[in-house]
Amino acid sequence: MQQVDFGLGVVGQLKKGGTIEVNRIRLSSGIWKTNSSKIDINGRIVLFKTISKQQDETHSEFKPVAPDTNIPQALQQIAGK
């Protein structure tokens, strides 16, 4: 809607027209998960360094795991896909 300045524009700014969209889906009662996001922003940091970010991400096929699953086990499940 409008430009956003950080530190009166000295620290940085995001230019007008950028968008961030996040979509979430309900997996079960009280459990929501981000399934897609789109980022399209432009601006600058510390007076002269420009920033530009365009990113689209989608996640699907969420599956529950056992409550006692540890990180090495989770990584093994992912690698076994």
PDB file of N, CA and C in Angstrom:
ATOM      1  N   MET A   1       0.819  -1.190   0.000  1.00  0.00           N
ATOM      2  CA  MET A   1       0.000   0.000   0.000  1.00  0.00           C
ATOM      3  C   MET A   1       0.869   1.262   0.000  1.00  0.00           C
ATOM      4  N   GLN A   2       1.955   1.233   0.810  1.00  0.00           N
ATOM      5  CA  GLN A   2       2.823   2.401   0.856  1.00  0.00           C
ATOM      6  C   GLN A   2       4.236   1.975   1.233  1.00  0.00           C
ATOM      7  N   GLN A   3       5.178   2.846   0.964  1.00  0.00           N
ATOM      8  CA  GLN A   3       6.578   2.571   1.299  1.00  0.00           C
ATOM      9  C   GLN A   3       6.728   2.486   2.810  1.00  0.00           C
ATOM     10  N   VAL A   4       7.610   1.573   3.265  1.00  0.00           N
ATOM     11  CA  VAL A   4       7.885   1.421   4.693  1.00  0.00           C
ATOM     12  C   VAL A   4       9.343   1.779   4.923  1.00  0.00           C
ATOM     13  N   ASP A   5       9.580   2.734   5.819  1.00  0.00           N
ATOM     14  CA  ASP A   5      10.934   3.164   6.149  1.00  0.00           C
ATOM     15  C   ASP A   5      11.337   2.639   7.515  1.00  0.00           C
ATOM     16  N   PHE A   6      12.596   2.236   7.637  1.00  0.00           N
ATOM     17  CA  PHE A   6      13.177   1.805   8.908  1.00  0.00           C
ATOM     18  C   PHE A   6      14.232   2.827   9.305  1.00  0.00           C
ATOM     19  N   GLY A   7      14.131   3.364  10.508  1.00  0.00           N
ATOM     20  CA  GLY A   7      15.098   4.371  10.955  1.00  0.00           C
ATOM     21  C   GLY A   7      15.057   5.603  10.063  1.00  0.00           C
ATOM     22  N   LEU A   8      13.857   6.105   9.790  1.00  0.00           N
ATOM     23  CA  LEU A   8      13.631   7.266   8.923  1.00  0.00           C
ATOM     24  C   LEU A   8      14.194   7.052   7.511  1.00  0.00           C
ATOM     25  N   GLY A   9      14.286   5.811   7.088  1.00  0.00           N
ATOM     26  CA  GLY A   9      14.789   5.499   5.755  1.00  0.00           C
ATOM     27  C   GLY A   9      16.293   5.330   5.686  1.00  0.00           C
ATOM     28  N   VAL A  10      17.007   5.662   6.758  1.00  0.00           N
ATOM     29  CA  VAL A  10      18.465   5.540   6.778  1.00  0.00           C
ATOM     30  C   VAL A  10      18.866   4.069   6.907  1.00  0.00           C
ATOM     31  N   VAL A  11      18.209   3.336   7.789  1.00  0.00           N
ATOM     32  CA  VAL A  11      18.512   1.922   7.992  1.00  0.00           C
ATOM     33  C   VAL A  11      18.041   1.110   6.791  1.00  0.00           C
ATOM     34  N   GLY A  12      16.880   1.442   6.252  1.00  0.00           N
ATOM     35  CA  GLY A  12      16.381   0.735   5.089  1.00  0.00           C
ATOM     36  C   GLY A  12      14.966   1.125   4.762  1.00  0.00           C
ATOM     37  N   GLN A  13      14.480   0.581   3.652  1.00  0.00           N
ATOM     38  CA  GLN A  13      13.110   0.830   3.248  1.00  0.00           C
ATOM     39  C   GLN A  13      12.633  -0.278   2.313  1.00  0.00           C
ATOM     40  N   LEU A  14      11.330  -0.536   2.385  1.00  0.00           N
ATOM     41  CA  LEU A  14      10.677  -1.423   1.430  1.00  0.00           C
ATOM     42  C   LEU A  14       9.811  -0.539   0.545  1.00  0.00           C
ATOM     43  N   LYS A  15       9.988  -0.665  -0.760  1.00  0.00           N
ATOM     44  CA  LYS A  15       9.260   0.194  -1.685  1.00  0.00           C
ATOM     45  C   LYS A  15       7.802  -0.216  -1.823  1.00  0.00           C
ATOM     46  N   LYS A  16       6.980   0.747  -2.134  1.00  0.00           N
ATOM     47  CA  LYS A  16       5.554   0.543  -2.350  1.00  0.00           C
ATOM     48  C   LYS A  16       5.338  -0.473  -3.475  1.00  0.00           C
ATOM     49  N   GLY A  17       4.345  -1.337  -3.304  1.00  0.00           N
ATOM     50  CA  GLY A  17       3.992  -2.283  -4.356  1.00  0.00           C
ATOM     51  C   GLY A  17       4.452  -3.706  -4.104  1.00  0.00           C
ATOM     52  N   GLY A  18       5.287  -3.934  -3.103  1.00  0.00           N
ATOM     53  CA  GLY A  18       5.732  -5.290  -2.791  1.00  0.00           C
ATOM     54  C   GLY A  18       4.605  -6.080  -2.135  1.00  0.00           C
ATOM     55  N   THR A  19       4.688  -7.395  -2.239  1.00  0.00           N
ATOM     56  CA  THR A  19       3.661  -8.238  -1.627  1.00  0.00           C
ATOM     57  C   THR A  19       4.288  -9.422  -0.905  1.00  0.00           C
ATOM     58  N   ILE A  20       3.622  -9.846   0.152  1.00  0.00           N
ATOM     59  CA  ILE A  20       3.951 -11.077   0.863  1.00  0.00           C
ATOM     60  C   ILE A  20       2.629 -11.789   1.094  1.00  0.00           C
ATOM     61  N   GLU A  21       2.531 -13.021   0.599  1.00  0.00           N
ATOM     62  CA  GLU A  21       1.307 -13.807   0.733  1.00  0.00           C
ATOM     63  C   GLU A  21       1.649 -15.142   1.381  1.00  0.00           C
ATOM     64  N   VAL A  22       0.939 -15.468   2.453  1.00  0.00           N
ATOM     65  CA  VAL A  22       1.153 -16.731   3.160  1.00  0.00           C
ATOM     66  C   VAL A  22      -0.187 -17.447   3.264  1.00  0.00           C
ATOM     67  N   ASN A  23      -0.229 -18.710   2.833  1.00  0.00           N
ATOM     68  CA  ASN A  23      -1.441 -19.520   2.929  1.00  0.00           C
ATOM     69  C   ASN A  23      -1.191 -20.671   3.889  1.00  0.00           C
ATOM     70  N   ARG A  24      -2.165 -20.922   4.750  1.00  0.00           N
ATOM     71  CA  ARG A  24      -2.046 -21.997   5.735  1.00  0.00           C
ATOM     72  C   ARG A  24      -3.226 -22.944   5.570  1.00  0.00           C
ATOM     73  N   ILE A  25      -2.993 -24.223   5.881  1.00  0.00           N
ATOM     74  CA  ILE A  25      -4.064 -25.209   5.851  1.00  0.00           C
ATOM     75  C   ILE A  25      -4.197 -25.841   7.228  1.00  0.00           C
ATOM     76  N   ARG A  26      -5.406 -26.271   7.530  1.00  0.00           N
ATOM     77  CA  ARG A  26      -5.673 -26.919   8.816  1.00  0.00           C
ATOM     78  C   ARG A  26      -5.402 -28.408   8.670  1.00  0.00           C
ATOM     79  N   LEU A  27      -4.477 -28.920   9.469  1.00  0.00           N
ATOM     80  CA  LEU A  27      -4.156 -30.343   9.446  1.00  0.00           C
ATOM     81  C   LEU A  27      -5.064 -31.124  10.383  1.00  0.00           C
ATOM     82  N   SER A  28      -5.359 -30.552  11.536  1.00  0.00           N
ATOM     83  CA  SER A  28      -6.277 -31.147  12.501  1.00  0.00           C
ATOM     84  C   SER A  28      -6.679 -30.042  13.467  1.00  0.00           C
ATOM     85  N   SER A  29      -7.505 -30.376  14.414  1.00  0.00           N
ATOM     86  CA  SER A  29      -7.993 -29.384  15.365  1.00  0.00           C
ATOM     87  C   SER A  29      -6.826 -28.666  16.056  1.00  0.00           C
ATOM     88  N   GLY A  30      -6.728 -27.359  15.835  1.00  0.00           N
ATOM     89  CA  GLY A  30      -5.682 -26.564  16.466  1.00  0.00           C
ATOM     90  C   GLY A  30      -4.308 -26.658  15.813  1.00  0.00           C
ATOM     91  N   ILE A  31      -4.169 -27.435  14.742  1.00  0.00           N
ATOM     92  CA  ILE A  31      -2.869 -27.593  14.072  1.00  0.00           C
ATOM     93  C   ILE A  31      -2.974 -27.028  12.659  1.00  0.00           C
ATOM     94  N   TRP A  32      -2.237 -25.968  12.411  1.00  0.00           N
ATOM     95  CA  TRP A  32      -2.204 -25.313  11.102  1.00  0.00           C
ATOM     96  C   TRP A  32      -0.774 -25.339  10.582  1.00  0.00           C
ATOM     97  N   LYS A  33      -0.611 -25.432   9.287  1.00  0.00           N
ATOM     98  CA  LYS A  33       0.710 -25.497   8.669  1.00  0.00           C
ATOM     99  C   LYS A  33       0.732 -24.578   7.446  1.00  0.00           C
ATOM    100  N   THR A  34       1.831 -23.862   7.255  1.00  0.00           N
ATOM    101  CA  THR A  34       1.983 -23.038   6.059  1.00  0.00           C
ATOM    102  C   THR A  34       2.207 -23.955   4.868  1.00  0.00           C
ATOM    103  N   ASN A  35       1.350 -23.841   3.852  1.00  0.00           N
ATOM    104  CA  ASN A  35       1.526 -24.700   2.690  1.00  0.00           C
ATOM    105  C   ASN A  35       2.018 -23.939   1.466  1.00  0.00           C
ATOM    106  N   SER A  36       1.948 -22.611   1.476  1.00  0.00           N
ATOM    107  CA  SER A  36       2.556 -21.865   0.369  1.00  0.00           C
ATOM    108  C   SER A  36       2.842 -20.433   0.807  1.00  0.00           C
ATOM    109  N   SER A  37       3.844 -19.862   0.181  1.00  0.00           N
ATOM    110  CA  SER A  37       4.176 -18.459   0.424  1.00  0.00           C
ATOM    111  C   SER A  37       4.734 -17.863  -0.858  1.00  0.00           C
ATOM    112  N   LYS A  38       4.435 -16.595  -1.051  1.00  0.00           N
ATOM    113  CA  LYS A  38       4.956 -15.843  -2.202  1.00  0.00           C
ATOM    114  C   LYS A  38       5.475 -14.514  -1.686  1.00  0.00           C
ATOM    115  N   ILE A  39       6.699 -14.198  -2.061  1.00  0.00           N
ATOM    116  CA  ILE A  39       7.328 -12.949  -1.633  1.00  0.00           C
ATOM    117  C   ILE A  39       7.809 -12.210  -2.871  1.00  0.00           C
ATOM    118  N   ASP A  40       7.475 -10.944  -2.949  1.00  0.00           N
ATOM    119  CA  ASP A  40       7.937 -10.087  -4.047  1.00  0.00           C
ATOM    120  C   ASP A  40       8.160  -8.689  -3.463  1.00  0.00           C
ATOM    121  N   ILE A  41       9.399  -8.397  -3.054  1.00  0.00           N
ATOM    122  CA  ILE A  41       9.696  -7.111  -2.434  1.00  0.00           C
ATOM    123  C   ILE A  41      10.937  -6.485  -3.060  1.00  0.00           C
ATOM    124  N   ASN A  42      10.997  -5.183  -2.999  1.00  0.00           N
ATOM    125  CA  ASN A  42      12.153  -4.410  -3.444  1.00  0.00           C
ATOM    126  C   ASN A  42      12.377  -3.285  -2.445  1.00  0.00           C
ATOM    127  N   GLY A  43      13.627  -2.908  -2.272  1.00  0.00           N
ATOM    128  CA  GLY A  43      13.937  -1.827  -1.360  1.00  0.00           C
ATOM    129  C   GLY A  43      15.423  -1.604  -1.279  1.00  0.00           C
ATOM    130  N   ARG A  44      15.842  -1.075  -0.145  1.00  0.00           N
ATOM    131  CA  ARG A  44      17.266  -0.858   0.065  1.00  0.00           C
ATOM    132  C   ARG A  44      17.583  -0.919   1.547  1.00  0.00           C
ATOM    133  N   ILE A  45      18.849  -1.211   1.820  1.00  0.00           N
ATOM    134  CA  ILE A  45      19.351  -1.297   3.194  1.00  0.00           C
ATOM    135  C   ILE A  45      20.549  -0.365   3.321  1.00  0.00           C
ATOM    136  N   VAL A  46      20.642   0.319   4.432  1.00  0.00           N
ATOM    137  CA  VAL A  46      21.754   1.218   4.782  1.00  0.00           C
ATOM    138  C   VAL A  46      22.122   2.121   3.606  1.00  0.00           C
ATOM    139  N   LEU A  47      21.202   2.940   3.232  1.00  0.00           N
ATOM    140  CA  LEU A  47      21.323   3.981   2.209  1.00  0.00           C
ATOM    141  C   LEU A  47      21.468   3.479   0.771  1.00  0.00           C
ATOM    142  N   PHE A  48      22.432   2.618   0.452  1.00  0.00           N
ATOM    143  CA  PHE A  48      22.718   2.356  -0.949  1.00  0.00           C
ATOM    144  C   PHE A  48      22.553   0.909  -1.409  1.00  0.00           C
ATOM    145  N   LYS A  49      22.594  -0.061  -0.526  1.00  0.00           N
ATOM    146  CA  LYS A  49      22.502  -1.461  -0.935  1.00  0.00           C
ATOM    147  C   LYS A  49      21.055  -1.811  -1.262  1.00  0.00           C
ATOM    148  N   THR A  50      20.805  -2.158  -2.509  1.00  0.00           N
ATOM    149  CA  THR A  50      19.443  -2.507  -2.918  1.00  0.00           C
ATOM    150  C   THR A  50      19.150  -3.965  -2.585  1.00  0.00           C
ATOM    151  N   ILE A  51      17.896  -4.220  -2.298  1.00  0.00           N
ATOM    152  CA  ILE A  51      17.453  -5.593  -2.057  1.00  0.00           C
ATOM    153  C   ILE A  51      16.280  -5.886  -2.982  1.00  0.00           C
ATOM    154  N   SER A  52      16.257  -7.095  -3.476  1.00  0.00           N
ATOM    155  CA  SER A  52      15.165  -7.544  -4.326  1.00  0.00           C
ATOM    156  C   SER A  52      14.963  -9.021  -4.029  1.00  0.00           C
ATOM    157  N   LYS A  53      13.755  -9.399  -3.704  1.00  0.00           N
ATOM    158  CA  LYS A  53      13.483 -10.792  -3.341  1.00  0.00           C
ATOM    159  C   LYS A  53      12.189 -11.226  -4.002  1.00  0.00           C
ATOM    160  N   GLN A  54      12.286 -12.277  -4.817  1.00  0.00           N
ATOM    161  CA  GLN A  54      11.127 -12.908  -5.406  1.00  0.00           C
ATOM    162  C   GLN A  54      11.237 -14.394  -5.085  1.00  0.00           C
ATOM    163  N   GLN A  55      10.228 -14.940  -4.440  1.00  0.00           N
ATOM    164  CA  GLN A  55      10.289 -16.339  -4.015  1.00  0.00           C
ATOM    165  C   GLN A  55       8.883 -16.908  -3.979  1.00  0.00           C
ATOM    166  N   ASP A  56       8.713 -18.099  -4.541  1.00  0.00           N
ATOM    167  CA  ASP A  56       7.467 -18.859  -4.450  1.00  0.00           C
ATOM    168  C   ASP A  56       7.805 -20.210  -3.845  1.00  0.00           C
ATOM    169  N   GLU A  57       7.066 -20.611  -2.832  1.00  0.00           N
ATOM    170  CA  GLU A  57       7.316 -21.881  -2.156  1.00  0.00           C
ATOM    171  C   GLU A  57       5.993 -22.577  -1.908  1.00  0.00           C
ATOM    172  N   THR A  58       5.959 -23.891  -2.161  1.00  0.00           N
ATOM    173  CA  THR A  58       4.748 -24.679  -1.911  1.00  0.00           C
ATOM    174  C   THR A  58       5.133 -25.965  -1.203  1.00  0.00           C
ATOM    175  N   HIS A  59       4.356 -26.324  -0.203  1.00  0.00           N
ATOM    176  CA  HIS A  59       4.567 -27.563   0.550  1.00  0.00           C
ATOM    177  C   HIS A  59       3.265 -28.352   0.517  1.00  0.00           C
ATOM    178  N   SER A  60       3.367 -29.674   0.433  1.00  0.00           N
ATOM    179  CA  SER A  60       2.165 -30.506   0.416  1.00  0.00           C
ATOM    180  C   SER A  60       2.478 -31.884   0.983  1.00  0.00           C
ATOM    181  N   GLU A  61       1.484 -32.720   1.002  1.00  0.00           N
ATOM    182  CA  GLU A  61       1.600 -34.101   1.473  1.00  0.00           C
ATOM    183  C   GLU A  61       2.129 -34.188   2.910  1.00  0.00           C
ATOM    184  N   PHE A  62       1.569 -33.354   3.782  1.00  0.00           N
ATOM    185  CA  PHE A  62       1.948 -33.397   5.195  1.00  0.00           C
ATOM    186  C   PHE A  62       1.491 -34.720   5.786  1.00  0.00           C
ATOM    187  N   LYS A  63       2.348 -35.344   6.570  1.00  0.00           N
ATOM    188  CA  LYS A  63       2.011 -36.608   7.213  1.00  0.00           C
ATOM    189  C   LYS A  63       2.419 -36.553   8.678  1.00  0.00           C
ATOM    190  N   PRO A  64       1.571 -37.086   9.555  1.00  0.00           N
ATOM    191  CA  PRO A  64       1.938 -37.074  10.983  1.00  0.00           C
ATOM    192  C   PRO A  64       3.069 -38.056  11.269  1.00  0.00           C
ATOM    193  N   VAL A  65       3.838 -37.745  12.284  1.00  0.00           N
ATOM    194  CA  VAL A  65       4.893 -38.648  12.746  1.00  0.00           C
ATOM    195  C   VAL A  65       4.616 -38.981  14.203  1.00  0.00           C
ATOM    196  N   ALA A  66       5.220 -40.026  14.687  1.00  0.00           N
ATOM    197  CA  ALA A  66       5.045 -40.422  16.086  1.00  0.00           C
ATOM    198  C   ALA A  66       5.531 -39.308  17.008  1.00  0.00           C
ATOM    199  N   PRO A  67       4.836 -39.066  18.106  1.00  0.00           N
ATOM    200  CA  PRO A  67       5.215 -37.978  19.018  1.00  0.00           C
ATOM    201  C   PRO A  67       6.631 -38.091  19.571  1.00  0.00           C
ATOM    202  N   ASP A  68       7.173 -39.300  19.656  1.00  0.00           N
ATOM    203  CA  ASP A  68       8.507 -39.476  20.226  1.00  0.00           C
ATOM    204  C   ASP A  68       9.609 -39.501  19.168  1.00  0.00           C
ATOM    205  N   THR A  69       9.296 -39.061  17.931  1.00  0.00           N
ATOM    206  CA  THR A  69      10.285 -39.032  16.857  1.00  0.00           C
ATOM    207  C   THR A  69      11.349 -37.978  17.161  1.00  0.00           C
ATOM    208  N   ASN A  70      12.628 -38.382  17.071  1.00  0.00           N
ATOM    209  CA  ASN A  70      13.705 -37.412  17.279  1.00  0.00           C
ATOM    210  C   ASN A  70      14.216 -36.925  15.921  1.00  0.00           C
ATOM    211  N   ILE A  71      15.108 -35.973  15.923  1.00  0.00           N
ATOM    212  CA  ILE A  71      15.581 -35.366  14.665  1.00  0.00           C
ATOM    213  C   ILE A  71      16.279 -36.379  13.763  1.00  0.00           C
ATOM    214  N   PRO A  72      17.211 -37.211  14.251  1.00  0.00           N
ATOM    215  CA  PRO A  72      17.824 -38.196  13.349  1.00  0.00           C
ATOM    216  C   PRO A  72      16.797 -39.140  12.716  1.00  0.00           C
ATOM    217  N   GLN A  73      15.784 -39.540  13.473  1.00  0.00           N
ATOM    218  CA  GLN A  73      14.745 -40.413  12.919  1.00  0.00           C
ATOM    219  C   GLN A  73      13.941 -39.678  11.836  1.00  0.00           C
ATOM    220  N   ALA A  74      13.620 -38.418  12.100  1.00  0.00           N
ATOM    221  CA  ALA A  74      12.869 -37.624  11.121  1.00  0.00           C
ATOM    222  C   ALA A  74      13.668 -37.472   9.831  1.00  0.00           C
ATOM    223  N   LEU A  75      14.963 -37.201   9.953  1.00  0.00           N
ATOM    224  CA  LEU A  75      15.814 -37.060   8.763  1.00  0.00           C
ATOM    225  C   LEU A  75      15.880 -38.377   7.987  1.00  0.00           C
ATOM    226  N   GLN A  76      15.917 -39.482   8.705  1.00  0.00           N
ATOM    227  CA  GLN A  76      15.939 -40.784   8.059  1.00  0.00           C
ATOM    228  C   GLN A  76      14.630 -41.036   7.298  1.00  0.00           C
ATOM    229  N   GLN A  77      13.509 -40.625   7.863  1.00  0.00           N
ATOM    230  CA  GLN A  77      12.222 -40.776   7.197  1.00  0.00           C
ATOM    231  C   GLN A  77      12.167 -39.936   5.927  1.00  0.00           C
ATOM    232  N   ILE A  78      12.711 -38.718   5.990  1.00  0.00           N
ATOM    233  CA  ILE A  78      12.726 -37.858   4.809  1.00  0.00           C
ATOM    234  C   ILE A  78      13.615 -38.444   3.723  1.00  0.00           C
ATOM    235  N   ALA A  79      14.785 -38.937   4.099  1.00  0.00           N
ATOM    236  CA  ALA A  79      15.729 -39.514   3.126  1.00  0.00           C
ATOM    237  C   ALA A  79      15.156 -40.769   2.505  1.00  0.00           C
ATOM    238  N   GLY A  80      14.287 -41.474   3.225  1.00  0.00           N
ATOM    239  CA  GLY A  80      13.723 -42.718   2.714  1.00  0.00           C
ATOM    240  C   GLY A  80      12.606 -42.521   1.715  1.00  0.00           C
ATOM    241  N   LYS A  81      12.224 -41.282   1.440  1.00  0.00           N
ATOM    242  CA  LYS A  81      11.133 -40.988   0.490  1.00  0.00           C
ATOM    243  C   LYS A  81      11.390 -41.560  -0.860  1.00  0.00           C
TER     244      LYS A  81
END
